[in-house]
C-alpha atoms as a PDB file:
ATOM      1  CA  MET A   1      34.871 -22.808  10.383  1.00  0.00           C
ATOM      2  CA  SER A   2      34.278 -21.117   7.018  1.00  0.00           C
ATOM      3  CA  HIS A   3      32.543 -17.753   6.567  1.00  0.00           C
ATOM      4  CA  ALA A   4      29.575 -19.508   4.982  1.00  0.00           C
ATOM      5  CA  GLU A   5      29.224 -21.961   7.852  1.00  0.00           C
ATOM      6  CA  ARG A   6      29.249 -19.064  10.325  1.00  0.00           C
ATOM      7  CA  LEU A   7      26.474 -17.395   8.326  1.00  0.00           C
ATOM      8  CA  ILE A   8      24.486 -20.639   8.289  1.00  0.00           C
ATOM      9  CA  ARG A   9      24.913 -21.009  12.043  1.00  0.00           C
ATOM     10  CA  THR A  10      23.699 -17.420  12.517  1.00  0.00           C
ATOM     11  CA  THR A  11      20.762 -18.080  10.192  1.00  0.00           C
ATOM     12  CA  ARG A  12      19.765 -21.126  12.244  1.00  0.00           C
ATOM     13  CA  THR A  13      19.752 -18.991  15.391  1.00  0.00           C
ATOM     14  CA  LEU A  14      17.664 -16.326  13.665  1.00  0.00           C
ATOM     15  CA  ARG A  15      15.242 -18.973  12.375  1.00  0.00           C
ATOM     16  CA  ARG A  16      14.706 -20.296  15.909  1.00  0.00           C
ATOM     17  CA  GLU A  17      14.272 -16.803  17.343  1.00  0.00           C
ATOM     18  CA  VAL A  18      11.694 -15.628  14.792  1.00  0.00           C
ATOM     19  CA  HIS A  19       9.789 -18.901  15.109  1.00  0.00           C
ATOM     20  CA  GLY A  20       8.635 -17.705  18.524  1.00  0.00           C
ATOM     21  CA  LEU A  21       7.100 -14.473  17.236  1.00  0.00           C
ATOM     22  CA  ARG A  22       3.324 -14.251  17.511  1.00  0.00           C
ATOM     23  CA  PHE A  23       1.079 -11.810  15.689  1.00  0.00           C
ATOM     24  CA  ALA A  24      -2.397 -10.585  16.536  1.00  0.00           C
ATOM     25  CA  HIS A  25      -5.460 -10.355  14.324  1.00  0.00           C
ATOM     26  CA  PRO A  26      -5.709  -9.601  11.414  1.00  0.00           C
ATOM     27  CA  VAL A  27      -2.487 -11.536  10.685  1.00  0.00           C
ATOM     28  CA  SER A  28      -3.436 -15.103   9.849  1.00  0.00           C
ATOM     29  CA  HIS A  29      -0.396 -16.449   7.963  1.00  0.00           C
ATOM     30  CA  VAL A  30       3.312 -15.922   8.556  1.00  0.00           C
ATOM     31  CA  TYR A  31       5.933 -17.411   6.247  1.00  0.00           C
ATOM     32  CA  ASN A  32       9.499 -18.043   7.390  1.00  0.00           C
ATOM     33  CA  PRO A  33      11.560 -18.997   4.324  1.00  0.00           C
ATOM     34  CA  LEU A  34      14.567 -19.573   6.589  1.00  0.00           C
ATOM     35  CA  ASP A  35      12.621 -22.612   7.732  1.00  0.00           C
ATOM     36  CA  TYR A  36      10.874 -24.163   4.719  1.00  0.00           C
ATOM     37  CA  ALA A  37      13.384 -22.911   2.092  1.00  0.00           C
ATOM     38  CA  LYS A  38      16.579 -23.560   4.046  1.00  0.00           C
ATOM     39  CA  ARG A  39      18.134 -25.780   1.345  1.00  0.00           C
ATOM     40  CA  PRO A  40      18.467 -23.058  -1.296  1.00  0.00           C
ATOM     41  CA  HIS A  41      19.266 -20.476   1.379  1.00  0.00           C
ATOM     42  CA  HIS A  42      22.227 -22.558   2.565  1.00  0.00           C
ATOM     43  CA  LEU A  43      23.360 -23.098  -1.052  1.00  0.00           C
ATOM     44  CA  TYR A  44      23.248 -19.332  -1.532  1.00  0.00           C
ATOM     45  CA  LEU A  45      25.325 -18.723   1.601  1.00  0.00           C
ATOM     46  CA  ARG A  46      27.875 -21.380   0.665  1.00  0.00           C
ATOM     47  CA  ARG A  47      28.240 -20.066  -2.864  1.00  0.00           C
ATOM     48  CA  TYR A  48      28.162 -16.313  -2.273  1.00  0.00           C
ATOM     49  CA  GLY A  49      28.981 -15.894   1.409  1.00  0.00           C
ATOM     50  CA  ASN A  50      32.123 -17.963   1.664  1.00  0.00           C
ATOM     51  CA  SER A  51      34.639 -15.163   1.452  1.00  0.00           C
ATOM     52  CA  ARG A  52      35.446 -12.116   3.479  1.00  0.00           C
ATOM     53  CA  LYS A  53      33.171  -9.159   2.697  1.00  0.00           C
ATOM     54  CA  ARG A  54      33.372  -5.491   3.555  1.00  0.00           C
ATOM     55  CA  ILE A  55      29.595  -5.192   3.854  1.00  0.00           C
ATOM     56  CA  ILE A  56      26.591  -7.471   3.943  1.00  0.00           C
ATOM     57  CA  LEU A  57      23.023  -6.625   2.984  1.00  0.00           C
ATOM     58  CA  LEU A  58      20.636  -8.286   5.358  1.00  0.00           C
ATOM     59  CA  GLY A  59      16.932  -8.560   4.718  1.00  0.00           C
ATOM     60  CA  MET A  60      14.136 -10.178   2.811  1.00  0.00           C
ATOM     61  CA  ASN A  61      12.140  -8.731  -0.021  1.00  0.00           C
ATOM     62  CA  PRO A  62       8.584  -8.113   1.150  1.00  0.00           C
ATOM     63  CA  GLY A  63       6.745  -9.672  -1.791  1.00  0.00           C
ATOM     64  CA  PRO A  64       5.475 -13.230  -2.210  1.00  0.00           C
ATOM     65  CA  PHE A  65       7.475 -13.949  -5.379  1.00  0.00           C
ATOM     66  CA  GLY A  66      11.070 -13.621  -4.166  1.00  0.00           C
ATOM     67  CA  MET A  67      12.650 -15.022  -1.027  1.00  0.00           C
ATOM     68  CA  ALA A  68       9.323 -16.550  -0.012  1.00  0.00           C
ATOM     69  CA  GLN A  69       9.670 -18.803  -3.073  1.00  0.00           C
ATOM     70  CA  THR A  70      13.455 -19.248  -3.355  1.00  0.00           C
ATOM     71  CA  GLY A  71      14.937 -18.829   0.123  1.00  0.00           C
ATOM     72  CA  VAL A  72      17.429 -16.324  -1.333  1.00  0.00           C
ATOM     73  CA  PRO A  73      17.252 -12.723  -0.025  1.00  0.00           C
ATOM     74  CA  PHE A  74      15.821 -10.418  -2.689  1.00  0.00           C
ATOM     75  CA  GLY A  75      15.792 -13.548  -4.864  1.00  0.00           C
ATOM     76  CA  GLU A  76      13.272 -13.417  -7.659  1.00  0.00           C
ATOM     77  CA  VAL A  77      12.814 -16.942  -9.048  1.00  0.00           C
ATOM     78  CA  THR A  78      14.262 -16.461 -12.539  1.00  0.00           C
ATOM     79  CA  MET A  79      17.297 -14.571 -11.279  1.00  0.00           C
ATOM     80  CA  VAL A  80      18.108 -17.181  -8.629  1.00  0.00           C
ATOM     81  CA  ARG A  81      17.545 -20.164 -10.920  1.00  0.00           C
ATOM     82  CA  ASP A  82      19.046 -18.866 -14.186  1.00  0.00           C
ATOM     83  CA  TRP A  83      21.686 -16.342 -13.105  1.00  0.00           C
ATOM     84  CA  MET A  84      22.796 -17.651  -9.713  1.00  0.00           C
ATOM     85  CA  HIS A  85      22.293 -21.310 -10.727  1.00  0.00           C
ATOM     86  CA  ILE A  86      20.557 -22.224  -7.494  1.00  0.00           C
ATOM     87  CA  GLU A  87      17.598 -24.547  -7.716  1.00  0.00           C
ATOM     88  CA  THR A  88      16.623 -27.197  -5.215  1.00  0.00           C
ATOM     89  CA  GLN A  89      13.643 -28.545  -3.327  1.00  0.00           C
ATOM     90  CA  ILE A  90      11.479 -26.095  -1.411  1.00  0.00           C
ATOM     91  CA  GLU A  91       9.285 -27.388   1.379  1.00  0.00           C
ATOM     92  CA  LYS A  92       5.944 -25.831   2.313  1.00  0.00           C
ATOM     93  CA  PRO A  93       5.191 -23.569   5.271  1.00  0.00           C
ATOM     94  CA  ASP A  94       3.183 -25.204   8.046  1.00  0.00           C
ATOM     95  CA  ILE A  95       0.141 -23.063   7.237  1.00  0.00           C
ATOM     96  CA  GLU A  96      -0.080 -21.846   3.651  1.00  0.00           C
ATOM     97  CA  HIS A  97      -2.363 -19.029   2.540  1.00  0.00           C
ATOM     98  CA  PRO A  98      -4.521 -20.176  -0.408  1.00  0.00           C
ATOM     99  CA  LYS A  99      -3.864 -16.921  -2.293  1.00  0.00           C
ATOM    100  CA  ARG A 100      -0.076 -17.033  -1.686  1.00  0.00           C
ATOM    101  CA  PRO A 101       1.010 -20.621  -2.349  1.00  0.00           C
ATOM    102  CA  ILE A 102       4.641 -21.587  -2.171  1.00  0.00           C
ATOM    103  CA  SER A 103       5.582 -23.318  -5.407  1.00  0.00           C
ATOM    104  CA  GLY A 104       9.322 -22.666  -5.157  1.00  0.00           C
ATOM    105  CA  PHE A 105      11.196 -22.632  -8.427  1.00  0.00           C
ATOM    106  CA  ALA A 106       8.021 -23.572 -10.315  1.00  0.00           C
ATOM    107  CA  CYS A 107       6.563 -20.159  -9.432  1.00  0.00           C
ATOM    108  CA  GLY A 108       5.663 -18.404 -12.677  1.00  0.00           C
ATOM    109  CA  ARG A 109       5.310 -14.904 -11.231  1.00  0.00           C
ATOM    110  CA  SER A 110       7.944 -12.343 -10.438  1.00  0.00           C
END
């Protein structure tokens, strides 16, 4: 199994585990881009995670205009689309906040 496929398998486990998290009031919306943006996330892992690395940075940027839109960690839309050449369909979260819509690669903010 390739390095990238191992990362994807680990990501699937993480996605299932965080799906079970529950938050109390005042939290009303929780986005999991590992779920609705898995296509570009897997492209990212296959393209950039398919070789042996000495270190790996793990995390998501906290803002609504990066990984929440692209599925790529720390992945601002323009950088992912134009520099990394990753662009594919993004689904929608089950419950979307009206002030923080997911428009994927059509997102005009950064």
